[in-house]
PDB file of N, CA and C in Angstrom:
ATOM      1  N   MET A   1     -13.315 -18.761  -9.795  1.00  0.00           N
ATOM      2  CA  MET A   1     -13.177 -17.978  -8.591  1.00  0.00           C
ATOM      3  C   MET A   1     -11.726 -17.041  -8.303  1.00  0.00           C
ATOM      4  N   ALA A   2     -11.805 -16.287  -8.002  1.00  0.00           N
ATOM      5  CA  ALA A   2     -10.644 -15.060  -7.864  1.00  0.00           C
ATOM      6  C   ALA A   2      -9.888 -15.373  -6.795  1.00  0.00           C
ATOM      7  N   TYR A   3     -10.175 -15.871  -5.682  1.00  0.00           N
ATOM      8  CA  TYR A   3      -9.202 -16.515  -4.383  1.00  0.00           C
ATOM      9  C   TYR A   3     -10.016 -17.695  -4.165  1.00  0.00           C
ATOM     10  N   ASP A   4      -8.736 -18.516  -3.661  1.00  0.00           N
ATOM     11  CA  ASP A   4      -9.403 -20.141  -3.261  1.00  0.00           C
ATOM     12  C   ASP A   4      -9.454 -20.005  -1.901  1.00  0.00           C
ATOM     13  N   THR A   5     -10.583 -20.152  -1.075  1.00  0.00           N
ATOM     14  CA  THR A   5     -10.324 -20.085   0.242  1.00  0.00           C
ATOM     15  C   THR A   5     -10.074 -21.699   0.956  1.00  0.00           C
ATOM     16  N   THR A   6     -10.255 -22.408   0.197  1.00  0.00           N
ATOM     17  CA  THR A   6     -10.029 -23.606   0.820  1.00  0.00           C
ATOM     18  C   THR A   6      -8.433 -24.071   1.149  1.00  0.00           C
ATOM     19  N   GLU A   7      -7.472 -23.073   0.323  1.00  0.00           N
ATOM     20  CA  GLU A   7      -6.114 -23.610   0.336  1.00  0.00           C
ATOM     21  C   GLU A   7      -5.533 -22.969   1.764  1.00  0.00           C
ATOM     22  N   PRO A   8      -4.533 -23.350   2.480  1.00  0.00           N
ATOM     23  CA  PRO A   8      -4.235 -22.809   3.790  1.00  0.00           C
ATOM     24  C   PRO A   8      -3.042 -21.854   3.198  1.00  0.00           C
ATOM     25  N   HIS A   9      -3.200 -20.777   4.320  1.00  0.00           N
ATOM     26  CA  HIS A   9      -2.324 -19.562   3.663  1.00  0.00           C
ATOM     27  C   HIS A   9      -0.707 -19.680   4.140  1.00  0.00           C
ATOM     28  N   GLN A  10       0.159 -19.676   3.615  1.00  0.00           N
ATOM     29  CA  GLN A  10       1.505 -19.730   3.844  1.00  0.00           C
ATOM     30  C   GLN A  10       2.138 -18.234   4.469  1.00  0.00           C
ATOM     31  N   ASP A  11       1.509 -17.108   3.868  1.00  0.00           N
ATOM     32  CA  ASP A  11       2.115 -16.043   4.243  1.00  0.00           C
ATOM     33  C   ASP A  11       2.017 -15.681   5.832  1.00  0.00           C
ATOM     34  N   ALA A  12       3.095 -14.720   6.551  1.00  0.00           N
ATOM     35  CA  ALA A  12       3.219 -14.358   7.624  1.00  0.00           C
ATOM     36  C   ALA A  12       1.972 -13.872   8.226  1.00  0.00           C
ATOM     37  N   PRO A  13       1.530 -13.431   9.295  1.00  0.00           N
ATOM     38  CA  PRO A  13       0.331 -12.832   9.503  1.00  0.00           C
ATOM     39  C   PRO A  13       0.442 -11.116   9.939  1.00  0.00           C
ATOM     40  N   PRO A  14      -0.311 -10.511   9.320  1.00  0.00           N
ATOM     41  CA  PRO A  14       0.110  -8.992   9.406  1.00  0.00           C
ATOM     42  C   PRO A  14       0.712  -8.475  10.958  1.00  0.00           C
ATOM     43  N   GLU A  15       0.361  -8.801  11.803  1.00  0.00           N
ATOM     44  CA  GLU A  15       0.647  -8.544  12.986  1.00  0.00           C
ATOM     45  C   GLU A  15       2.369  -9.336  13.434  1.00  0.00           C
ATOM     46  N   ALA A  16       2.646 -10.029  12.676  1.00  0.00           N
ATOM     47  CA  ALA A  16       3.839 -10.806  12.778  1.00  0.00           C
ATOM     48  C   ALA A  16       5.041  -9.484  12.922  1.00  0.00           C
ATOM     49  N   PRO A  17       6.343 -10.099  14.118  1.00  0.00           N
ATOM     50  CA  PRO A  17       7.090  -8.818  14.091  1.00  0.00           C
ATOM     51  C   PRO A  17       7.973  -8.746  13.375  1.00  0.00           C
ATOM     52  N   SER A  18       8.421  -9.464  12.323  1.00  0.00           N
ATOM     53  CA  SER A  18       9.421  -9.077  11.309  1.00  0.00           C
ATOM     54  C   SER A  18       8.515  -8.319  10.292  1.00  0.00           C
ATOM     55  N   ARG A  19       7.031  -8.355  10.186  1.00  0.00           N
ATOM     56  CA  ARG A  19       6.716  -6.964   9.452  1.00  0.00           C
ATOM     57  C   ARG A  19       6.106  -5.873   9.854  1.00  0.00           C
ATOM     58  N   VAL A  20       6.145  -5.834  11.037  1.00  0.00           N
ATOM     59  CA  VAL A  20       6.505  -4.655  11.899  1.00  0.00           C
ATOM     60  C   VAL A  20       7.625  -4.033  12.045  1.00  0.00           C
ATOM     61  N   ALA A  21       8.858  -4.789  12.171  1.00  0.00           N
ATOM     62  CA  ALA A  21      10.019  -4.284  11.995  1.00  0.00           C
ATOM     63  C   ALA A  21      10.554  -3.754  10.590  1.00  0.00           C
ATOM     64  N   ALA A  22       9.994  -4.329   9.526  1.00  0.00           N
ATOM     65  CA  ALA A  22       9.891  -3.905   8.331  1.00  0.00           C
ATOM     66  C   ALA A  22       9.485  -2.597   7.848  1.00  0.00           C
ATOM     67  N   GLY A  23       8.134  -2.793   8.385  1.00  0.00           N
ATOM     68  CA  GLY A  23       7.509  -1.267   8.519  1.00  0.00           C
ATOM     69  C   GLY A  23       8.209  -0.058   9.199  1.00  0.00           C
ATOM     70  N   VAL A  24       8.607  -0.259  10.180  1.00  0.00           N
ATOM     71  CA  VAL A  24       9.679   0.743  11.173  1.00  0.00           C
ATOM     72  C   VAL A  24      11.120   0.920  10.481  1.00  0.00           C
ATOM     73  N   LEU A  25      11.324   0.113   9.910  1.00  0.00           N
ATOM     74  CA  LEU A  25      12.576   0.388   8.877  1.00  0.00           C
ATOM     75  C   LEU A  25      12.055   0.936   7.706  1.00  0.00           C
ATOM     76  N   SER A  26      11.093   0.686   7.195  1.00  0.00           N
ATOM     77  CA  SER A  26      10.750   1.715   5.603  1.00  0.00           C
ATOM     78  C   SER A  26      10.410   2.880   6.095  1.00  0.00           C
ATOM     79  N   LEU A  27       9.657   3.261   7.202  1.00  0.00           N
ATOM     80  CA  LEU A  27       9.619   4.665   7.778  1.00  0.00           C
ATOM     81  C   LEU A  27      10.915   5.503   8.184  1.00  0.00           C
ATOM     82  N   VAL A  28      11.916   4.661   8.796  1.00  0.00           N
ATOM     83  CA  VAL A  28      12.904   5.366   9.183  1.00  0.00           C
ATOM     84  C   VAL A  28      13.727   5.693   7.757  1.00  0.00           C
ATOM     85  N   PHE A  29      13.747   4.937   6.663  1.00  0.00           N
ATOM     86  CA  PHE A  29      14.527   5.107   5.365  1.00  0.00           C
ATOM     87  C   PHE A  29      13.680   5.899   5.145  1.00  0.00           C
ATOM     88  N   PHE A  30      12.643   6.238   4.805  1.00  0.00           N
ATOM     89  CA  PHE A  30      11.677   7.204   3.831  1.00  0.00           C
ATOM     90  C   PHE A  30      11.951   8.455   4.454  1.00  0.00           C
ATOM     91  N   PHE A  31      11.934   8.764   5.787  1.00  0.00           N
ATOM     92  CA  PHE A  31      11.969  10.111   6.480  1.00  0.00           C
ATOM     93  C   PHE A  31      13.675  10.455   6.296  1.00  0.00           C
ATOM     94  N   GLY A  32      14.445   9.399   6.209  1.00  0.00           N
ATOM     95  CA  GLY A  32      16.124   9.568   6.341  1.00  0.00           C
ATOM     96  C   GLY A  32      16.107  10.003   4.818  1.00  0.00           C
ATOM     97  N   SER A  33      15.417   9.548   3.983  1.00  0.00           N
ATOM     98  CA  SER A  33      15.680   9.911   2.618  1.00  0.00           C
ATOM     99  C   SER A  33      15.416  11.642   2.591  1.00  0.00           C
ATOM    100  N   PHE A  34      14.509  11.902   3.071  1.00  0.00           N
ATOM    101  CA  PHE A  34      14.383  13.471   2.940  1.00  0.00           C
ATOM    102  C   PHE A  34      15.395  14.304   3.518  1.00  0.00           C
ATOM    103  N   ALA A  35      15.928  13.626   4.448  1.00  0.00           N
ATOM    104  CA  ALA A  35      16.722  14.585   4.987  1.00  0.00           C
ATOM    105  C   ALA A  35      18.094  14.571   4.442  1.00  0.00           C
ATOM    106  N   LEU A  36      18.547  13.452   3.524  1.00  0.00           N
ATOM    107  CA  LEU A  36      19.433  13.316   3.042  1.00  0.00           C
ATOM    108  C   LEU A  36      19.560  14.166   1.547  1.00  0.00           C
ATOM    109  N   ILE A  37      18.341  13.943   1.047  1.00  0.00           N
ATOM    110  CA  ILE A  37      17.993  14.759  -0.138  1.00  0.00           C
ATOM    111  C   ILE A  37      18.344  16.544   0.159  1.00  0.00           C
ATOM    112  N   ALA A  38      17.923  16.906   1.412  1.00  0.00           N
ATOM    113  CA  ALA A  38      17.661  18.226   1.721  1.00  0.00           C
ATOM    114  C   ALA A  38      19.343  18.659   2.089  1.00  0.00           C
ATOM    115  N   TRP A  39      20.045  17.670   2.684  1.00  0.00           N
ATOM    116  CA  TRP A  39      21.383  17.860   3.133  1.00  0.00           C
ATOM    117  C   TRP A  39      21.979  18.279   1.675  1.00  0.00           C
ATOM    118  N   GLY A  40      21.840  17.059   0.459  1.00  0.00           N
ATOM    119  CA  GLY A  40      22.396  17.267  -0.350  1.00  0.00           C
ATOM    120  C   GLY A  40      22.580  18.473  -1.006  1.00  0.00           C
ATOM    121  N   PHE A  41      21.261  19.003  -1.049  1.00  0.00           N
ATOM    122  CA  PHE A  41      20.933  20.485  -1.821  1.00  0.00           C
ATOM    123  C   PHE A  41      21.595  21.386  -0.771  1.00  0.00           C
ATOM    124  N   ASP A  42      22.118  21.437   0.318  1.00  0.00           N
ATOM    125  CA  ASP A  42      22.904  22.668   0.854  1.00  0.00           C
ATOM    126  C   ASP A  42      24.260  22.203   0.874  1.00  0.00           C
ATOM    127  N   ILE A  43      24.678  21.262   0.372  1.00  0.00           N
ATOM    128  CA  ILE A  43      26.215  21.185   0.249  1.00  0.00           C
ATOM    129  C   ILE A  43      26.739  21.407  -1.428  1.00  0.00           C
ATOM    130  N   ASP A  44      27.696  22.051  -1.630  1.00  0.00           N
ATOM    131  CA  ASP A  44      27.974  22.391  -3.095  1.00  0.00           C
ATOM    132  C   ASP A  44      29.118  21.186  -3.488  1.00  0.00           C
ATOM    133  N   GLY A  45      28.924  21.157  -4.628  1.00  0.00           N
ATOM    134  CA  GLY A  45      29.972  20.240  -5.506  1.00  0.00           C
ATOM    135  C   GLY A  45      29.677  18.656  -5.644  1.00  0.00           C
ATOM    136  N   ALA A  46      30.231  18.007  -6.053  1.00  0.00           N
ATOM    137  CA  ALA A  46      29.903  16.694  -5.917  1.00  0.00           C
ATOM    138  C   ALA A  46      29.494  15.841  -4.750  1.00  0.00           C
ATOM    139  N   LEU A  47      30.133  16.090  -3.455  1.00  0.00           N
ATOM    140  CA  LEU A  47      29.768  15.755  -2.475  1.00  0.00           C
ATOM    141  C   LEU A  47      28.031  15.965  -2.000  1.00  0.00           C
ATOM    142  N   GLY A  48      27.644  17.175  -2.673  1.00  0.00           N
ATOM    143  CA  GLY A  48      26.244  17.237  -2.252  1.00  0.00           C
ATOM    144  C   GLY A  48      25.635  16.701  -3.247  1.00  0.00           C
ATOM    145  N   MET A  49      26.060  16.346  -4.662  1.00  0.00           N
ATOM    146  CA  MET A  49      25.299  15.444  -5.441  1.00  0.00           C
ATOM    147  C   MET A  49      25.219  13.947  -5.167  1.00  0.00           C
ATOM    148  N   THR A  50      26.478  13.525  -4.602  1.00  0.00           N
ATOM    149  CA  THR A  50      26.345  12.339  -4.123  1.00  0.00           C
ATOM    150  C   THR A  50      25.267  12.128  -3.017  1.00  0.00           C
ATOM    151  N   ILE A  51      25.504  13.033  -1.845  1.00  0.00           N
ATOM    152  CA  ILE A  51      24.311  12.705  -1.174  1.00  0.00           C
ATOM    153  C   ILE A  51      22.932  12.805  -1.267  1.00  0.00           C
ATOM    154  N   ALA A  52      22.723  13.801  -2.209  1.00  0.00           N
ATOM    155  CA  ALA A  52      21.454  13.716  -2.659  1.00  0.00           C
ATOM    156  C   ALA A  52      21.173  12.651  -3.607  1.00  0.00           C
ATOM    157  N   ALA A  53      22.005  11.538  -4.488  1.00  0.00           N
ATOM    158  CA  ALA A  53      21.774  10.495  -4.893  1.00  0.00           C
ATOM    159  C   ALA A  53      21.558   9.347  -3.950  1.00  0.00           C
ATOM    160  N   ALA A  54      22.034   9.551  -2.565  1.00  0.00           N
ATOM    161  CA  ALA A  54      22.002   8.526  -1.812  1.00  0.00           C
ATOM    162  C   ALA A  54      20.808   8.526  -1.194  1.00  0.00           C
ATOM    163  N   GLY A  55      20.277   9.700  -0.855  1.00  0.00           N
ATOM    164  CA  GLY A  55      18.743  10.184  -0.323  1.00  0.00           C
ATOM    165  C   GLY A  55      17.992   9.522  -1.301  1.00  0.00           C
ATOM    166  N   ILE A  56      17.976   9.746  -2.653  1.00  0.00           N
ATOM    167  CA  ILE A  56      16.883   9.119  -3.765  1.00  0.00           C
ATOM    168  C   ILE A  56      17.122   7.643  -3.958  1.00  0.00           C
ATOM    169  N   LEU A  57      18.510   6.782  -3.554  1.00  0.00           N
ATOM    170  CA  LEU A  57      18.241   5.498  -3.264  1.00  0.00           C
ATOM    171  C   LEU A  57      17.838   4.982  -1.977  1.00  0.00           C
ATOM    172  N   THR A  58      17.778   5.743  -1.191  1.00  0.00           N
ATOM    173  CA  THR A  58      17.410   5.239  -0.057  1.00  0.00           C
ATOM    174  C   THR A  58      15.985   5.233   0.311  1.00  0.00           C
ATOM    175  N   PHE A  59      14.869   6.364  -0.533  1.00  0.00           N
ATOM    176  CA  PHE A  59      13.787   6.307  -0.823  1.00  0.00           C
ATOM    177  C   PHE A  59      13.161   5.163  -1.387  1.00  0.00           C
ATOM    178  N   ALA A  60      14.228   4.726  -2.504  1.00  0.00           N
ATOM    179  CA  ALA A  60      13.644   3.574  -3.387  1.00  0.00           C
ATOM    180  C   ALA A  60      13.854   2.270  -2.423  1.00  0.00           C
ATOM    181  N   LEU A  61      14.693   2.433  -1.833  1.00  0.00           N
ATOM    182  CA  LEU A  61      14.602   1.114  -0.871  1.00  0.00           C
ATOM    183  C   LEU A  61      13.638   1.127   0.366  1.00  0.00           C
ATOM    184  N   ALA A  62      13.130   2.519   0.653  1.00  0.00           N
ATOM    185  CA  ALA A  62      12.075   2.587   1.565  1.00  0.00           C
ATOM    186  C   ALA A  62      10.743   1.754   0.614  1.00  0.00           C
ATOM    187  N   TYR A  63      10.520   2.174  -0.381  1.00  0.00           N
ATOM    188  CA  TYR A  63       9.579   2.029  -1.042  1.00  0.00           C
ATOM    189  C   TYR A  63       9.530   0.410  -1.616  1.00  0.00           C
ATOM    190  N   ALA A  64      10.854  -0.088  -1.789  1.00  0.00           N
ATOM    191  CA  ALA A  64      11.160  -1.470  -2.072  1.00  0.00           C
ATOM    192  C   ALA A  64      10.544  -2.664  -1.221  1.00  0.00           C
ATOM    193  N   ILE A  65      11.203  -2.046   0.351  1.00  0.00           N
ATOM    194  CA  ILE A  65      10.966  -3.026   1.208  1.00  0.00           C
ATOM    195  C   ILE A  65       9.597  -3.644   1.599  1.00  0.00           C
ATOM    196  N   PRO A  66       8.550  -3.114   1.737  1.00  0.00           N
ATOM    197  CA  PRO A  66       7.091  -3.401   1.883  1.00  0.00           C
ATOM    198  C   PRO A  66       7.010  -3.911   0.775  1.00  0.00           C
ATOM    199  N   THR A  67       7.154  -3.533  -0.439  1.00  0.00           N
ATOM    200  CA  THR A  67       6.162  -4.024  -1.724  1.00  0.00           C
ATOM    201  C   THR A  67       7.064  -4.869  -2.214  1.00  0.00           C
ATOM    202  N   ALA A  68       8.344  -5.222  -2.135  1.00  0.00           N
ATOM    203  CA  ALA A  68       8.747  -6.189  -3.090  1.00  0.00           C
ATOM    204  C   ALA A  68       9.668  -7.083  -2.081  1.00  0.00           C
ATOM    205  N   ILE A  69      10.565  -6.591  -1.387  1.00  0.00           N
ATOM    206  CA  ILE A  69      11.303  -7.594  -0.517  1.00  0.00           C
ATOM    207  C   ILE A  69      10.606  -8.297   0.683  1.00  0.00           C
ATOM    208  N   VAL A  70       9.717  -7.915   1.426  1.00  0.00           N
ATOM    209  CA  VAL A  70       9.145  -8.607   2.497  1.00  0.00           C
ATOM    210  C   VAL A  70       7.683  -9.868   1.964  1.00  0.00           C
ATOM    211  N   PRO A  71       7.496  -9.435   0.663  1.00  0.00           N
ATOM    212  CA  PRO A  71       6.449 -10.296   0.007  1.00  0.00           C
ATOM    213  C   PRO A  71       7.339 -11.587  -0.372  1.00  0.00           C
ATOM    214  N   ALA A  72       8.193 -11.093  -1.159  1.00  0.00           N
ATOM    215  CA  ALA A  72       9.555 -12.469  -1.502  1.00  0.00           C
ATOM    216  C   ALA A  72       9.961 -13.002  -0.370  1.00  0.00           C
ATOM    217  N   LEU A  73      10.313 -12.720   0.813  1.00  0.00           N
ATOM    218  CA  LEU A  73      11.049 -13.321   1.906  1.00  0.00           C
ATOM    219  C   LEU A  73       9.681 -14.188   2.609  1.00  0.00           C
ATOM    220  N   ASP A  74       8.347 -13.546   2.167  1.00  0.00           N
ATOM    221  CA  ASP A  74       7.192 -14.464   3.101  1.00  0.00           C
ATOM    222  C   ASP A  74       7.189 -15.478   2.061  1.00  0.00           C
ATOM    223  N   ARG A  75       7.417 -15.552   0.799  1.00  0.00           N
ATOM    224  CA  ARG A  75       7.167 -16.503  -0.060  1.00  0.00           C
ATOM    225  C   ARG A  75       7.884 -17.703   0.159  1.00  0.00           C
ATOM    226  N   GLY A  76       9.280 -16.897   0.589  1.00  0.00           N
ATOM    227  CA  GLY A  76      10.222 -18.072   0.736  1.00  0.00           C
ATOM    228  C   GLY A  76      10.713 -18.513  -0.881  1.00  0.00           C
ATOM    229  N   GLY A  77      11.078 -19.954  -0.962  1.00  0.00           N
ATOM    230  CA  GLY A  77      11.108 -20.621  -2.204  1.00  0.00           C
ATOM    231  C   GLY A  77       9.958 -20.601  -3.146  1.00  0.00           C
ATOM    232  N   ARG A  78       8.714 -20.745  -2.940  1.00  0.00           N
ATOM    233  CA  ARG A  78       7.583 -20.879  -3.786  1.00  0.00           C
ATOM    234  C   ARG A  78       7.646 -19.924  -4.696  1.00  0.00           C
ATOM    235  N   ARG A  79       6.510 -20.363  -5.488  1.00  0.00           N
ATOM    236  CA  ARG A  79       6.311 -19.121  -6.782  1.00  0.00           C
ATOM    237  C   ARG A  79       4.876 -19.233  -7.135  1.00  0.00           C
TER     238      ARG A  79
END
């Protein structure tokens, strides 16, 4: 059987406030990363490269929040 339905679920429900807050935070980081990357390309020199790199890291964080961080927090210490 692919999924055991007799075992109780330990995950937070999809409508939990923590998941909503994580989703909103991910969207803010996602759109903010585009702004940082665009702003980094408008500025010359090392500062522009640093801001663009911060935008790329912000994009990675926006991707990691719903795919890795929230599921790990929901799991708690269980594996």
